[in-house]
Protein backbone atom coordinates (compact mmCIF):
# COMPACT_ATOMS: atom_id res chain seq x y z
CA MET A 1 0.09 -0.11 -0.08
CA GLU A 2 2.52 2.67 0.56
CA LEU A 3 3.82 1.78 -2.91
CA PHE A 4 0.63 2.32 -4.26
CA SER A 5 0.00 5.44 -2.61
CA PHE A 6 3.61 6.42 -3.46
CA ILE A 7 2.16 6.22 -7.85
CA PHE A 8 -1.62 7.53 -7.18
CA GLY A 9 0.31 10.58 -5.37
CA ALA A 10 3.16 10.15 -9.00
CA VAL A 11 -0.31 9.97 -11.59
CA PHE A 12 -2.48 12.78 -9.60
CA GLY A 13 0.30 15.15 -9.51
CA SER A 14 0.34 14.45 -13.46
CA PHE A 15 -2.92 15.97 -13.16
CA LEU A 16 -1.87 18.69 -10.92
CA ASN A 17 0.31 19.70 -13.73
CA VAL A 18 -2.79 20.14 -16.05
CA LEU A 19 -4.62 22.42 -13.09
CA ILE A 20 -1.67 24.48 -13.05
CA ILE A 21 -1.32 25.21 -16.74
CA ARG A 22 -5.36 25.61 -17.48
CA LEU A 23 -7.02 26.99 -14.56
CA PRO A 24 -6.00 30.37 -14.99
CA GLN A 25 -6.08 30.27 -18.62
CA LYS A 26 -9.74 29.36 -18.03
CA LYS A 27 -9.07 25.86 -19.92
CA SER A 28 -11.03 23.01 -19.92
CA VAL A 29 -9.11 20.77 -17.84
CA VAL A 30 -9.94 17.26 -19.58
CA PHE A 31 -9.86 18.38 -23.87
CA PRO A 32 -7.84 18.54 -25.71
CA ARG A 33 -5.51 15.61 -24.11
CA SER A 34 -1.68 17.00 -23.54
CA SER A 35 0.63 18.48 -25.44
CA CYS A 36 4.00 19.90 -25.93
CA MET A 37 3.85 23.79 -25.11
CA ASN A 38 6.49 23.76 -27.84
CA CYS A 39 5.53 22.56 -31.22
CA ASN A 40 1.61 21.23 -30.11
CA HIS A 41 2.36 17.72 -30.95
CA ILE A 42 0.16 15.28 -28.72
CA ILE A 43 2.07 13.94 -26.06
CA ALA A 44 1.58 9.97 -26.39
CA TRP A 45 0.54 8.24 -23.68
CA TYR A 46 4.04 6.21 -23.00
CA TYR A 47 5.96 9.70 -22.66
CA ASN A 48 3.61 10.89 -20.32
CA ILE A 49 4.02 8.20 -17.27
CA PRO A 50 4.75 10.42 -14.49
CA LEU A 51 8.17 11.05 -13.33
CA LEU A 52 9.74 8.13 -15.29
CA SER A 53 8.83 9.91 -19.02
CA TYR A 54 10.57 13.13 -17.60
CA LEU A 55 13.75 11.31 -16.86
CA PHE A 56 13.94 8.94 -19.36
CA LEU A 57 13.10 11.92 -22.40
CA ARG A 58 15.66 13.72 -20.18
CA GLY A 59 13.53 16.65 -19.58
CA LYS A 60 12.88 17.27 -23.39
CA CYS A 61 9.88 16.82 -25.69
CA ALA A 62 10.18 13.29 -27.42
CA TYR A 63 9.23 14.98 -30.49
CA CYS A 64 10.49 18.30 -30.89
CA ASN A 65 13.75 18.02 -28.22
CA GLU A 66 12.26 21.38 -26.11
CA LYS A 67 13.48 21.68 -22.86
CA ILE A 68 10.21 20.41 -20.37
CA SER A 69 10.22 22.86 -17.12
CA ILE A 70 11.52 20.75 -14.57
CA LEU A 71 8.28 21.96 -12.54
CA TYR A 72 6.64 19.41 -13.73
CA PHE A 73 8.68 16.88 -12.46
CA ILE A 74 8.54 18.56 -9.01
CA VAL A 75 4.72 18.48 -8.99
CA GLU A 76 4.84 15.15 -9.64
CA LEU A 77 7.75 13.98 -6.96
CA LEU A 78 6.53 16.39 -4.11
CA SER A 79 2.32 14.77 -4.80
CA ALA A 80 3.54 11.09 -4.68
CA ILE A 81 5.81 11.88 -1.44
CA LEU A 82 3.24 14.02 0.27
CA THR A 83 0.60 11.16 -0.09
CA LEU A 84 2.90 8.54 0.49
CA ALA A 85 3.71 10.31 3.86
CA LEU A 86 0.11 11.32 4.72
CA TYR A 87 -0.52 7.46 4.12
CA LEU A 88 1.62 6.62 6.79
CA LYS A 89 0.06 9.24 8.92
CA PHE A 90 -3.53 8.44 8.68
CA SER A 91 -3.61 5.01 6.55
CA LEU A 92 -6.69 4.24 4.24
CA SER A 93 -9.09 6.51 6.05
CA LEU A 94 -11.37 9.67 5.33
CA GLU A 95 -8.92 11.72 7.35
CA PHE A 96 -6.13 10.24 4.60
CA LEU A 97 -9.06 11.51 2.16
CA TYR A 98 -9.36 15.16 3.25
CA ALA A 99 -5.63 15.86 3.91
CA VAL A 100 -4.76 14.43 0.64
CA LEU A 101 -6.97 16.47 -1.22
CA PHE A 102 -6.43 19.94 0.88
CA PHE A 103 -2.90 19.23 0.04
CA TYR A 104 -3.25 18.97 -3.80
CA LEU A 105 -5.26 21.98 -3.39
CA LEU A 106 -2.25 23.74 -1.31
CA ILE A 107 0.27 22.15 -4.58
CA VAL A 108 -1.79 23.18 -6.96
CA LEU A 109 -1.90 27.01 -5.76
CA SER A 110 1.20 27.47 -4.61
CA PHE A 111 2.79 26.67 -8.39
CA ILE A 112 -0.13 28.74 -9.58
CA ASP A 113 1.44 31.63 -7.51
CA PHE A 114 5.00 31.14 -8.38
CA LYS A 115 4.23 30.99 -12.12
CA TYR A 116 0.94 34.08 -12.82
CA LYS A 117 1.58 35.38 -9.73
CA ALA A 118 -1.93 35.59 -8.86
CA VAL A 119 -4.03 32.68 -8.11
CA PRO A 120 -8.31 31.93 -8.83
CA ASP A 121 -10.52 32.98 -6.16
CA TYR A 122 -12.39 29.38 -6.24
CA LEU A 123 -9.36 27.50 -5.20
CA LEU A 124 -9.25 29.84 -2.06
CA LEU A 125 -12.08 29.15 -0.79
CA LEU A 126 -11.91 25.66 -1.16
CA SER A 127 -8.34 25.44 0.68
CA LEU A 128 -10.10 27.26 3.13
CA ILE A 129 -13.26 24.67 3.20
CA PHE A 130 -11.23 21.85 3.52
CA SER A 131 -8.63 22.96 6.12
CA PHE A 132 -11.62 22.57 8.45
CA PHE A 133 -11.89 18.53 7.53
CA VAL A 134 -8.76 18.53 8.39
CA SER A 135 -8.28 20.31 11.53
CA ASP A 136 -8.02 18.40 14.99
CA PHE A 137 -9.47 21.16 16.37
CA SER A 138 -13.16 22.40 17.24
CA LEU A 139 -15.35 24.24 14.13
CA ILE A 140 -15.64 27.02 17.10
CA GLU A 141 -11.96 26.69 18.17
CA SER A 142 -10.82 26.60 14.51
CA LEU A 143 -12.76 29.89 13.33
CA ASN A 144 -11.44 31.40 15.95
CA ASN A 145 -7.54 30.47 15.34
CA ALA A 146 -8.38 31.38 11.21
CA PHE A 147 -10.22 35.28 12.28
CA ILE A 148 -6.61 35.43 14.55
CA ILE A 149 -3.85 34.90 12.00
CA SER A 150 -5.41 36.20 8.95
CA GLY A 151 -6.95 39.22 11.34
CA ALA A 152 -3.16 39.78 12.49
CA PHE A 153 -1.47 39.71 8.99
CA VAL A 154 -4.23 41.73 7.73
CA LEU A 155 -3.47 44.62 10.02
CA LEU A 156 0.30 43.55 9.27
CA ASN A 157 -0.12 44.43 5.81
CA PHE A 158 -1.20 47.58 6.20
CA LEU A 159 1.76 48.80 8.36
CA ILE A 160 3.85 47.46 6.04
CA SER A 161 2.29 48.49 3.17
CA PHE A 162 2.19 52.06 4.40
CA TYR A 163 5.67 52.13 4.66
CA ILE A 164 6.65 51.12 1.56
CA GLN A 165 4.46 53.29 -0.08
CA ASN A 166 4.53 56.46 2.06
CA ILE A 167 8.13 56.34 3.28
CA LYS A 168 9.84 53.62 1.30
CA SER A 169 9.18 55.26 -2.10
CA LYS A 170 9.99 59.04 -1.38
CA ILE A 171 13.30 57.69 -0.06
CA LEU A 172 13.77 55.58 -3.28
CA LYS A 173 12.47 57.90 -5.31
CA ASP A 174 10.84 55.20 -6.84
CA GLU A 175 6.71 55.92 -7.91
CA SER A 176 6.38 51.83 -8.23
CA LEU A 177 6.29 51.46 -4.67
CA LYS A 178 3.38 53.84 -4.40
CA THR A 179 1.18 51.00 -5.31
CA GLN A 180 2.77 48.06 -3.91
CA GLU A 181 0.98 45.57 -1.16
CA ALA A 182 3.26 43.80 1.25
CA LEU A 183 1.11 40.68 1.05
CA GLY A 184 -1.19 39.33 -1.62
CA GLU A 185 -5.10 39.07 -1.13
CA GLY A 186 -4.27 35.47 -1.86
CA ASP A 187 -1.76 35.01 0.91
CA ILE A 188 -4.40 36.05 4.04
CA PRO A 189 -6.87 33.02 2.92
CA VAL A 190 -4.07 30.47 2.70
CA LEU A 191 -3.08 32.23 6.68
CA ALA A 192 -6.26 31.40 7.61
CA ALA A 193 -6.99 27.40 6.01
CA ILE A 194 -3.00 27.28 8.01
CA GLY A 195 -4.27 28.49 11.19
CA VAL A 196 -7.34 26.43 11.38
CA VAL A 197 -5.10 23.07 10.90
CA LEU A 198 -2.22 23.97 12.93
CA GLY A 199 -3.69 26.55 15.38
CA LEU A 200 -2.30 29.82 16.39
CA LYS A 201 1.77 28.51 17.31
CA GLY A 202 1.80 26.35 14.93
CA ALA A 203 0.42 28.82 12.44
CA LEU A 204 3.16 31.17 13.07
CA ALA A 205 6.24 28.74 13.26
CA ALA A 206 4.73 27.89 9.84
CA VAL A 207 5.02 31.85 8.97
CA PHE A 208 8.28 32.04 10.77
CA LEU A 209 9.73 29.43 8.67
CA ALA A 210 8.43 31.25 5.40
CA ALA A 211 10.11 33.67 6.20
CA LEU A 212 13.18 32.63 6.31
CA PHE A 213 12.23 30.33 2.87
CA ALA A 214 11.73 33.61 1.41
CA ILE A 215 14.76 36.11 1.99
CA ILE A 216 16.56 34.75 -1.19
CA PRO A 217 14.72 34.38 -3.25
CA SER A 218 12.76 37.62 -2.66
CA ILE A 219 16.51 39.23 -3.00
CA TYR A 220 16.99 37.37 -6.17
CA TYR A 221 13.72 38.91 -7.41
CA ASN A 222 14.47 42.36 -6.11
CA PHE A 223 17.86 42.96 -7.59
CA LYS A 224 18.25 40.74 -10.57
CA LYS A 225 14.92 40.87 -11.90
CA LYS A 226 13.59 43.75 -10.43
CA ASP A 227 10.64 42.25 -9.86
CA ILE A 228 9.20 43.75 -6.44
CA GLN A 229 6.90 41.25 -6.33
CA THR A 230 7.36 37.69 -4.82
CA PRO A 231 4.96 34.98 -4.75
CA PHE A 232 4.39 34.61 -1.25
CA ILE A 233 2.03 31.34 -1.41
CA PRO A 234 4.78 28.81 -2.06
CA TYR A 235 7.55 29.58 0.59
CA LEU A 236 3.57 29.27 3.38
CA VAL A 237 2.93 25.48 1.63
CA ILE A 238 6.41 25.22 2.74
CA GLY A 239 6.32 26.11 5.82
CA PHE A 240 2.77 24.42 6.67
CA ILE A 241 4.55 20.97 5.08
CA ILE A 242 7.37 21.73 7.75
CA GLU A 243 5.73 22.60 10.73
CA TYR A 244 2.34 19.57 9.86
CA PHE A 245 4.54 17.01 9.70
CA LEU A 246 7.60 18.01 12.23
CA ASP A 247 5.79 19.85 14.52
CA ILE A 248 8.32 22.77 14.70
CA SER A 249 6.26 24.62 17.52
CA LYS A 250 7.15 22.35 20.03
CA VAL A 251 10.43 23.98 20.76
CA PHE A 252 8.94 27.05 21.76
CA ASN A 253 7.44 25.29 24.58
């Protein structure tokens, strides 16, 4: 069953790749069949085997030899590993089903945010709804945790955004900073979902980890790409996954 859960995760990860590409473009996730982004050739099933095809083809299209993004492989591998980890945690149960769906939603949100720096609202809503099914807290406690963690970061977003728009923009004489927000709108529902699942202490630990992981990419985006927007959902999800499985917040007890 452990091997089956890993294979199932990899197969579903292949479908998650389809969602990541097509949902922001408002395309059908069923039709047409997957095709090369460069030559548009329909990909035969034997060139579309999760994980194995990417390795066998050495990350290149079988038809035009164009390089395939390693993100496809990463999504499949991450989905496989998380599915296995959740199976080991819950075995085959309803809790396992809820947790798997919730984690798959987080994966899709992360890679869409990474690619487009914007995420569909309905995916944010779904992730928030599923978080209540994954939480070990009562409904009242879960709501309380969601309101506190998201409310705290709404206030923090206001304060930091005020500094960026009104002080930093004048110091650096950068007009583009006058409209910059510290956090994206999509970050708040994800923070709320993390609060529902982990509780306040766990959520704070996850956010702390996310901030650490985001520092170097943020510096890179600012100075190399001259891009002031850093997608934060992927780092929130990394922090969440580490806290969820390793319970880092126990260190602060």
